[in-house]
Protein backbone atom coordinates (compact mmCIF):
# COMPACT_ATOMS: atom_id res chain seq x y z
CA MET A 1 -17.70 -36.22 -39.19
CA ALA A 2 -18.78 -32.61 -39.77
CA SER A 3 -16.10 -30.02 -39.12
CA ASN A 4 -16.40 -26.29 -38.52
CA THR A 5 -12.69 -25.55 -38.32
CA SER A 6 -11.13 -26.87 -41.54
CA PRO A 7 -11.16 -25.26 -43.97
CA SER A 8 -12.01 -21.75 -42.84
CA LEU A 9 -15.13 -20.28 -44.36
CA ALA A 10 -13.00 -17.72 -46.21
CA ASP A 11 -10.94 -20.52 -47.75
CA ALA A 12 -14.08 -22.41 -48.71
CA LEU A 13 -15.49 -19.34 -50.44
CA ALA A 14 -12.27 -18.98 -52.41
CA ALA A 15 -12.57 -22.59 -53.54
CA GLY A 16 -16.23 -22.83 -54.51
CA THR A 17 -19.83 -22.29 -53.50
CA VAL A 18 -21.01 -22.58 -49.90
CA VAL A 19 -24.69 -23.14 -49.11
CA LEU A 20 -26.45 -21.10 -46.45
CA ASP A 21 -29.56 -22.15 -44.56
CA GLY A 22 -33.06 -20.73 -45.02
CA GLY A 23 -35.44 -18.76 -42.85
CA MET A 24 -35.33 -19.53 -39.13
CA SER A 25 -38.76 -18.11 -38.40
CA ASN A 26 -40.64 -20.08 -41.05
CA GLN A 27 -38.95 -23.31 -39.97
CA LEU A 28 -39.94 -22.71 -36.34
CA GLU A 29 -43.47 -21.75 -37.32
CA SER A 30 -43.82 -24.88 -39.44
CA ALA A 31 -42.95 -26.86 -36.31
CA GLY A 32 -45.85 -25.20 -34.51
CA HIS A 33 -44.11 -22.42 -32.57
CA ASP A 34 -45.81 -19.05 -32.07
CA LEU A 35 -43.47 -16.16 -32.96
CA SER A 36 -46.02 -13.35 -32.74
CA ASP A 37 -44.19 -11.11 -30.31
CA GLU A 38 -41.44 -8.50 -30.50
CA LEU A 39 -38.61 -10.94 -29.79
CA TRP A 40 -39.66 -13.16 -32.70
CA SER A 41 -37.49 -16.32 -32.86
CA ALA A 42 -35.17 -14.95 -30.14
CA ARG A 43 -37.88 -15.66 -27.55
CA LEU A 44 -37.32 -19.38 -28.03
CA LEU A 45 -33.70 -19.04 -26.93
CA ALA A 46 -35.10 -18.67 -23.42
CA GLU A 47 -38.31 -20.68 -23.65
CA GLN A 48 -37.62 -23.57 -26.03
CA PRO A 49 -33.94 -23.69 -27.01
CA GLU A 50 -34.23 -27.28 -28.24
CA ALA A 51 -36.61 -26.05 -30.95
CA VAL A 52 -33.88 -23.74 -32.25
CA ALA A 53 -31.34 -26.57 -32.38
CA GLU A 54 -33.84 -28.75 -34.26
CA ALA A 55 -34.45 -25.97 -36.81
CA HIS A 56 -30.71 -25.67 -37.45
CA LEU A 57 -30.43 -29.45 -37.78
CA ALA A 58 -33.22 -29.53 -40.36
CA TYR A 59 -31.25 -27.15 -42.55
CA PHE A 60 -27.96 -29.01 -42.14
CA LEU A 61 -29.69 -32.24 -43.13
CA ALA A 62 -31.29 -30.42 -46.07
CA GLY A 63 -27.86 -29.50 -47.42
CA ALA A 64 -26.88 -26.24 -45.75
CA ASP A 65 -23.21 -25.74 -44.88
CA VAL A 66 -23.80 -22.67 -42.69
CA ALA A 67 -26.33 -22.13 -39.90
CA ILE A 68 -27.26 -18.55 -39.03
CA THR A 69 -28.05 -18.24 -35.33
CA ALA A 70 -31.38 -17.17 -33.83
CA SER A 71 -29.88 -13.92 -32.52
CA TYR A 72 -31.16 -11.62 -35.28
CA GLN A 73 -33.67 -9.95 -32.98
CA ALA A 74 -31.78 -10.68 -29.76
CA THR A 75 -30.55 -7.45 -28.18
CA PHE A 76 -29.94 -6.27 -24.64
CA GLU A 77 -32.58 -3.59 -25.14
CA GLY A 78 -35.18 -5.98 -26.52
CA PHE A 79 -34.65 -8.50 -23.75
CA ALA A 80 -34.80 -5.72 -21.14
CA ARG A 81 -38.29 -4.78 -22.31
CA ARG A 82 -39.30 -8.34 -21.43
CA GLY A 83 -37.71 -8.09 -17.99
CA THR A 84 -34.55 -10.02 -18.86
CA GLY A 85 -31.42 -8.66 -17.18
CA HIS A 86 -28.07 -7.97 -18.82
CA ASP A 87 -26.31 -11.13 -17.66
CA GLU A 88 -29.15 -13.41 -18.73
CA ALA A 89 -29.40 -11.64 -22.07
CA ALA A 90 -25.67 -12.19 -22.61
CA ARG A 91 -26.12 -15.87 -21.77
CA LEU A 92 -28.92 -16.19 -24.32
CA LEU A 93 -26.84 -14.50 -27.01
CA ALA A 94 -24.01 -16.96 -26.39
CA LEU A 95 -26.51 -19.82 -26.26
CA SER A 96 -27.60 -19.01 -29.81
CA VAL A 97 -24.11 -19.95 -31.01
CA ASP A 98 -24.00 -23.06 -28.82
CA LEU A 99 -27.32 -24.30 -30.22
CA ALA A 100 -26.04 -24.05 -33.79
CA ARG A 101 -22.87 -25.93 -32.76
CA THR A 102 -25.05 -28.60 -31.15
CA ALA A 103 -26.97 -28.98 -34.40
CA ALA A 104 -23.71 -29.32 -36.34
CA ARG A 105 -22.59 -32.12 -34.02
CA ARG A 106 -25.92 -33.89 -34.42
CA ALA A 107 -25.64 -33.57 -38.18
CA GLY A 108 -22.24 -35.25 -37.96
CA ASP A 109 -23.72 -38.03 -35.87
CA ALA A 110 -26.40 -38.42 -38.56
CA GLY A 111 -23.78 -38.97 -41.23
CA VAL A 112 -23.11 -35.47 -42.59
CA GLU A 113 -19.40 -35.44 -43.41
CA ARG A 114 -18.88 -32.04 -45.04
CA PRO A 115 -17.55 -29.05 -43.07
CA LEU A 116 -20.24 -27.05 -41.28
CA TRP A 117 -19.99 -23.47 -40.04
CA VAL A 118 -21.89 -21.24 -37.61
CA ALA A 119 -22.71 -17.61 -38.43
CA ALA A 120 -23.78 -15.44 -35.49
CA SER A 121 -26.60 -13.20 -36.66
CA VAL A 122 -26.32 -9.48 -35.95
CA GLY A 123 -29.58 -7.91 -37.05
CA PRO A 124 -30.03 -4.17 -37.64
CA TYR A 125 -31.18 -1.59 -35.11
CA GLY A 126 -34.60 -1.65 -36.73
CA ALA A 127 -35.09 -5.32 -35.81
CA MET A 128 -34.99 -4.34 -32.14
CA LEU A 129 -37.76 -1.78 -32.77
CA ALA A 130 -39.95 -4.59 -34.19
CA ASP A 131 -41.93 -2.15 -36.34
CA GLY A 132 -40.53 -2.84 -39.80
CA ALA A 133 -37.82 -0.16 -39.51
CA GLU A 134 -35.20 -2.62 -40.80
CA TYR A 135 -36.86 -2.17 -44.19
CA ARG A 136 -36.60 1.62 -44.03
CA GLY A 137 -33.43 2.66 -42.20
CA ARG A 138 -32.91 6.36 -41.48
CA TYR A 139 -33.46 5.89 -37.75
CA GLY A 140 -32.36 9.39 -36.81
CA LEU A 141 -29.21 8.05 -35.12
CA SER A 142 -25.63 8.92 -35.91
CA VAL A 143 -23.02 6.36 -36.96
CA ALA A 144 -21.45 6.69 -33.50
CA GLU A 145 -24.79 6.04 -31.79
CA LEU A 146 -25.40 2.99 -33.93
CA GLU A 147 -21.92 1.72 -33.12
CA ARG A 148 -22.66 2.06 -29.39
CA PHE A 149 -25.86 0.07 -29.87
CA HIS A 150 -24.23 -2.79 -31.76
CA ARG A 151 -20.93 -3.15 -29.92
CA PRO A 152 -22.05 -4.86 -26.67
CA ARG A 153 -23.87 -7.76 -28.30
CA MET A 154 -21.30 -8.13 -31.07
CA GLU A 155 -18.63 -8.52 -28.39
CA VAL A 156 -20.70 -11.20 -26.63
CA LEU A 157 -21.40 -13.05 -29.87
CA ALA A 158 -17.76 -12.89 -30.95
CA ALA A 159 -16.66 -14.27 -27.58
CA ALA A 160 -19.03 -17.24 -28.04
CA GLY A 161 -16.81 -18.46 -30.87
CA PRO A 162 -18.80 -18.44 -34.11
CA ASP A 163 -17.00 -18.98 -37.40
CA VAL A 164 -18.31 -15.69 -38.75
CA LEU A 165 -20.54 -12.77 -37.77
CA ALA A 166 -23.50 -12.23 -40.12
CA LEU A 167 -24.06 -8.46 -40.20
CA GLU A 168 -27.35 -8.86 -41.98
CA THR A 169 -30.50 -7.19 -43.25
CA VAL A 170 -28.84 -3.78 -43.01
CA PRO A 171 -31.11 -1.15 -44.60
CA ASP A 172 -28.88 1.90 -44.36
CA ALA A 173 -25.30 2.71 -45.37
CA ASP A 174 -24.80 4.62 -42.12
CA GLU A 175 -25.60 1.48 -40.15
CA GLY A 176 -23.28 -0.48 -42.44
CA ALA A 177 -20.51 1.96 -41.57
CA ALA A 178 -21.23 1.54 -37.85
CA LEU A 179 -21.08 -2.24 -38.13
CA LEU A 180 -17.80 -2.09 -40.04
CA ARG A 181 -16.31 0.08 -37.30
CA THR A 182 -17.48 -2.33 -34.64
CA VAL A 183 -16.23 -5.52 -36.27
CA ARG A 184 -12.64 -4.29 -36.47
CA GLY A 185 -10.51 -5.97 -33.82
CA LEU A 186 -13.15 -8.46 -32.61
CA GLY A 187 -11.08 -11.37 -33.92
CA VAL A 188 -13.93 -12.94 -35.89
CA PRO A 189 -14.51 -12.62 -39.64
CA ALA A 190 -17.80 -11.18 -40.86
CA TRP A 191 -20.02 -10.72 -43.84
CA LEU A 192 -21.99 -7.54 -44.47
CA SER A 193 -25.37 -7.94 -46.13
CA TYR A 194 -27.79 -5.16 -47.07
CA THR A 195 -31.49 -5.39 -47.70
CA VAL A 196 -32.18 -3.51 -50.89
CA ASP A 197 -34.71 -1.98 -53.23
CA GLY A 198 -33.34 -2.33 -56.73
CA THR A 199 -29.75 -1.05 -56.73
CA ASN A 200 -30.20 1.10 -53.61
CA THR A 201 -30.30 0.33 -49.93
CA ARG A 202 -33.77 0.46 -48.40
CA ALA A 203 -32.81 3.91 -47.14
CA GLY A 204 -32.18 5.01 -50.70
CA GLN A 205 -28.37 5.13 -50.90
CA PRO A 206 -26.66 3.73 -54.04
CA LEU A 207 -25.17 0.31 -53.39
CA GLU A 208 -21.84 1.44 -54.83
CA GLU A 209 -21.54 3.83 -51.89
CA ALA A 210 -22.86 1.35 -49.33
CA PHE A 211 -20.49 -1.47 -50.30
CA ALA A 212 -17.35 0.60 -50.85
CA PRO A 213 -16.20 0.91 -47.19
CA ALA A 214 -16.18 -2.89 -46.80
CA ALA A 215 -13.46 -3.26 -49.42
CA ASP A 216 -10.78 -2.11 -46.97
CA VAL A 217 -11.95 -4.03 -43.87
CA ASP A 218 -9.89 -7.19 -43.53
CA GLU A 219 -12.40 -8.83 -41.22
CA VAL A 220 -15.06 -8.79 -43.95
CA ILE A 221 -14.87 -11.99 -46.00
CA ALA A 222 -18.04 -11.44 -48.04
CA VAL A 223 -20.54 -8.71 -48.88
CA GLY A 224 -23.96 -8.92 -50.43
CA VAL A 225 -27.72 -8.81 -49.96
CA ASN A 226 -30.42 -10.65 -48.05
CA CYS A 227 -34.07 -10.34 -47.08
CA CYS A 228 -34.86 -8.79 -50.45
CA ALA A 229 -36.81 -9.77 -53.54
CA PRO A 230 -35.12 -12.43 -55.68
CA GLN A 231 -35.21 -10.15 -58.73
CA ASP A 232 -33.05 -7.58 -56.92
CA VAL A 233 -30.22 -10.04 -56.32
CA GLU A 234 -28.36 -10.24 -59.62
CA PRO A 235 -27.66 -6.51 -60.13
CA ALA A 236 -26.68 -6.17 -56.47
CA VAL A 237 -24.25 -9.10 -56.76
CA GLU A 238 -22.54 -7.49 -59.73
CA ILE A 239 -22.14 -4.20 -57.85
CA ALA A 240 -20.86 -5.87 -54.67
CA ALA A 241 -18.26 -7.93 -56.54
CA ARG A 242 -17.08 -5.00 -58.65
CA VAL A 243 -16.85 -2.49 -55.81
CA THR A 244 -15.24 -4.68 -53.15
CA GLY A 245 -13.48 -7.53 -54.99
CA LYS A 246 -14.77 -9.89 -52.28
CA PRO A 247 -16.94 -13.01 -52.54
CA VAL A 248 -20.63 -12.19 -52.51
CA VAL A 249 -23.30 -13.53 -50.15
CA VAL A 250 -26.95 -13.72 -51.24
CA TYR A 251 -30.00 -15.03 -49.44
CA PRO A 252 -33.21 -13.42 -50.64
CA ASN A 253 -36.74 -13.93 -49.39
CA SER A 254 -39.26 -16.08 -51.21
CA GLY A 255 -40.52 -13.04 -53.11
CA GLU A 256 -43.52 -12.48 -50.85
CA ALA A 257 -43.88 -9.13 -49.05
CA TRP A 258 -43.92 -8.59 -45.28
CA ASP A 259 -46.76 -6.49 -43.85
CA ALA A 260 -45.30 -5.17 -40.58
CA ARG A 261 -48.67 -3.97 -39.25
CA ALA A 262 -50.46 -7.22 -39.92
CA ARG A 263 -47.32 -9.24 -39.13
CA ALA A 264 -48.06 -11.43 -42.14
CA TRP A 265 -46.65 -12.27 -45.59
CA THR A 266 -48.55 -11.36 -48.75
CA GLY A 267 -48.07 -11.96 -52.47
CA ARG A 268 -46.58 -14.91 -54.31
CA THR A 269 -43.30 -16.80 -54.29
CA THR A 270 -40.78 -15.82 -56.99
CA PHE A 271 -37.72 -17.61 -55.56
CA GLY A 272 -36.46 -20.26 -57.95
CA THR A 273 -33.26 -22.25 -58.24
CA GLU A 274 -33.02 -21.40 -61.93
CA GLN A 275 -31.78 -17.95 -60.82
CA ILE A 276 -28.80 -19.31 -58.93
CA GLU A 277 -26.45 -19.84 -61.87
CA ALA A 278 -26.89 -16.19 -62.86
CA TRP A 279 -26.07 -15.15 -59.30
CA ARG A 280 -22.96 -17.33 -59.31
CA ALA A 281 -21.85 -15.95 -62.66
CA ALA A 282 -22.11 -12.44 -61.21
CA GLY A 283 -19.93 -13.36 -58.21
CA ALA A 284 -22.13 -15.02 -55.58
CA ARG A 285 -20.33 -17.71 -53.57
CA LEU A 286 -22.39 -17.94 -50.35
CA ILE A 287 -25.97 -18.71 -51.36
CA GLY A 288 -29.11 -19.51 -49.40
CA GLY A 289 -32.55 -18.20 -48.57
CA CYS A 290 -34.09 -15.85 -46.04
CA CYS A 291 -37.72 -15.49 -44.98
CA ARG A 292 -40.12 -18.12 -46.31
CA VAL A 293 -37.38 -20.22 -47.91
CA GLY A 294 -37.40 -23.58 -46.12
CA PRO A 295 -35.41 -26.82 -46.16
CA GLU A 296 -36.80 -27.89 -49.54
CA GLY A 297 -35.47 -24.71 -51.10
CA ILE A 298 -32.05 -25.26 -49.53
CA THR A 299 -31.95 -28.83 -50.81
CA ALA A 300 -32.64 -27.51 -54.30
CA ILE A 301 -29.79 -24.99 -53.99
CA ALA A 302 -27.38 -27.59 -52.62
CA SER A 303 -28.14 -30.05 -55.38
CA GLY A 304 -27.55 -27.48 -58.07
CA VAL A 305 -24.20 -25.94 -57.08
CA SER A 306 -20.57 -27.05 -57.14
CA ARG A 307 -19.46 -27.01 -53.53
CA ALA A 308 -16.03 -26.08 -52.24
CA PRO A 309 -13.81 -29.20 -52.13
CA ARG A 310 -13.43 -30.93 -48.79
CA SER A 311 -10.31 -30.50 -46.70
CA ASP A 312 -9.62 -33.52 -44.48
């Protein structure tokens, strides 16, 4: 029977490699769901929650140990623009965690016996803007203002009982600092993951500076990069491990580029499992895929890594 309580994700990372899931949006789109609005996959939390649970289940069955919830673009502000009130928005945020738990139970019923974990996605401020700003940063907001934006939904997500908060696709060191402030005292561990351009954040700050504050935050169990080109992963992993001394999380895109105006992917896939051993050698312990990496890619990762030993 799948378990999400023993061992803890932090213990599993200390013992070996843990496999993340792949892109939520591409899995939903492959099942025929239209995500062409500002709420992206978060819209289905209200309209077709079963589709979200099925997407999580597909990744668990493909070999993922961790499901990242469909709350990346779910914010009180974004829901309000669609006429959704505060209480209903909070319910939908909590539902995102429940749907991933449901998928873990179904995976257990289907014969998956390894531990499974749920990561509650906390996307950047730019995701709420839905204009590609999460790939630029520099929003014109202070660290304090960004903290005020993130705190309400992080409190709701933490109260829903995930195993970890995924502070992900962060383009700017200032936003990273705001998220680190907010996660203190919430009672839930977290990972912090930047989206990068080479060895800088998308906003242009050196990764050494961006990662450094996470070293002293006890709640942070991993740091790393996601939603970036596969070729940017290895140097970023080395920096993250050296600067923080923590396990590193990596889940790049397929290598294609997102055109925010056209809302479409362009270019070719450069994601390959032959890169994974180099990432592991540099310090990566939590490995998966982001946009355009589907269940087949996760199966390839899972079949090629040495997992953390089971704890029964």
